[in-house]
Amino acid sequence: MEVGVRIMAERWNESTPAQVGSAYLVFAAVDADGKPRVVPPVIPETERDKRRYQEAQIRRTHRLARHRAIKELRDRRAAEGFED
């Protein structure tokens, strides 16, 4: 599950908050034994939800590709005798 977070701050002498940060946090569902578990899929309904769902899929694809590339590099270096 991916959750978008927006951090807002308000100066003591101003009433308009300003965005000072943002992030996407990724969570995994686990059972009582700490094993991954299946959760019902999200079904986006509005156009905004559909857009955000597609953007999340792009971020997921990039995140997994980056993870694979790092793992392959580490495996290759370990096979060549290099230690991290």
Protein backbone atom coordinates (compact mmCIF):
# COMPACT_ATOMS: atom_id res chain seq x y z
CA MET A 1 0.00 0.00 0.00
CA GLU A 2 1.31 3.43 -0.88
CA VAL A 3 0.27 6.47 1.15
CA GLY A 4 0.95 10.04 0.06
CA VAL A 5 1.93 12.45 2.83
CA ARG A 6 2.02 16.23 2.59
CA ILE A 7 3.72 18.24 5.37
CA MET A 8 2.27 21.67 5.96
CA ALA A 9 3.70 24.43 8.16
CA GLU A 10 2.26 27.67 9.35
CA ARG A 11 4.32 30.65 10.50
CA TRP A 12 3.32 32.07 13.84
CA ASN A 13 2.47 35.44 12.24
CA GLU A 14 0.71 34.16 9.11
CA SER A 15 -2.51 32.27 8.69
CA THR A 16 -1.76 30.62 5.35
CA PRO A 17 -0.05 27.24 5.64
CA ALA A 18 2.71 26.34 3.18
CA GLN A 19 3.75 22.92 1.99
CA VAL A 20 7.24 22.19 3.29
CA GLY A 21 7.60 18.55 2.31
CA SER A 22 5.97 15.51 0.80
CA ALA A 23 6.62 11.80 0.56
CA TYR A 24 5.14 8.52 -0.52
CA LEU A 25 5.29 5.85 2.17
CA VAL A 26 5.02 2.18 1.22
CA PHE A 27 3.51 -0.34 3.63
CA ALA A 28 3.19 -4.11 3.43
CA ALA A 29 0.37 -6.08 5.03
CA VAL A 30 1.57 -8.90 7.26
CA ASP A 31 -0.20 -11.55 9.29
CA ALA A 32 0.37 -12.38 12.98
CA ASP A 33 3.51 -14.34 12.04
CA GLY A 34 4.98 -11.43 10.11
CA LYS A 35 4.40 -13.10 6.75
CA PRO A 36 3.06 -11.06 3.81
CA ARG A 37 -0.68 -11.36 3.35
CA VAL A 38 -3.08 -10.62 0.55
CA VAL A 39 -5.32 -7.57 0.81
CA PRO A 40 -8.30 -6.66 -1.37
CA PRO A 41 -7.30 -4.58 -4.41
CA VAL A 42 -8.09 -0.89 -4.62
CA ILE A 43 -10.61 -0.07 -7.32
CA PRO A 44 -10.26 3.59 -8.30
CA GLU A 45 -13.60 5.21 -9.12
CA THR A 46 -13.14 8.92 -9.85
CA GLU A 47 -10.92 10.33 -12.57
CA ARG A 48 -8.63 11.72 -9.87
CA ASP A 49 -8.40 8.29 -8.21
CA LYS A 50 -7.65 6.66 -11.57
CA ARG A 51 -4.87 9.18 -12.31
CA ARG A 52 -3.33 8.73 -8.87
CA TYR A 53 -3.56 4.93 -9.19
CA GLN A 54 -1.72 5.04 -12.54
CA GLU A 55 0.95 7.33 -11.08
CA ALA A 56 1.39 4.91 -8.17
CA GLN A 57 1.85 2.03 -10.63
CA ILE A 58 4.63 4.01 -12.36
CA ARG A 59 6.35 4.69 -9.03
CA ARG A 60 6.06 0.99 -8.12
CA THR A 61 7.56 -0.10 -11.44
CA HIS A 62 10.50 2.28 -10.95
CA ARG A 63 10.98 1.23 -7.32
CA LEU A 64 11.07 -2.47 -8.23
CA ALA A 65 13.43 -1.88 -11.19
CA ARG A 66 15.80 0.09 -8.94
CA HIS A 67 15.67 -2.66 -6.31
CA ARG A 68 16.46 -5.33 -8.94
CA ALA A 69 19.35 -3.31 -10.38
CA ILE A 70 20.91 -2.83 -6.93
CA LYS A 71 20.49 -6.52 -6.09
CA GLU A 72 22.07 -7.58 -9.40
CA LEU A 73 25.02 -5.24 -8.82
CA ARG A 74 25.56 -6.56 -5.29
CA ASP A 75 25.27 -10.18 -6.46
CA ARG A 76 27.78 -9.53 -9.27
CA ARG A 77 30.23 -7.85 -6.90
CA ALA A 78 29.87 -10.69 -4.37
CA ALA A 79 30.56 -13.25 -7.15
CA GLU A 80 33.72 -11.29 -8.04
CA GLY A 81 34.88 -11.45 -4.41
CA PHE A 82 34.13 -7.87 -3.38
CA GLU A 83 32.61 -7.23 0.04
CA ASP A 84 30.16 -4.44 0.84
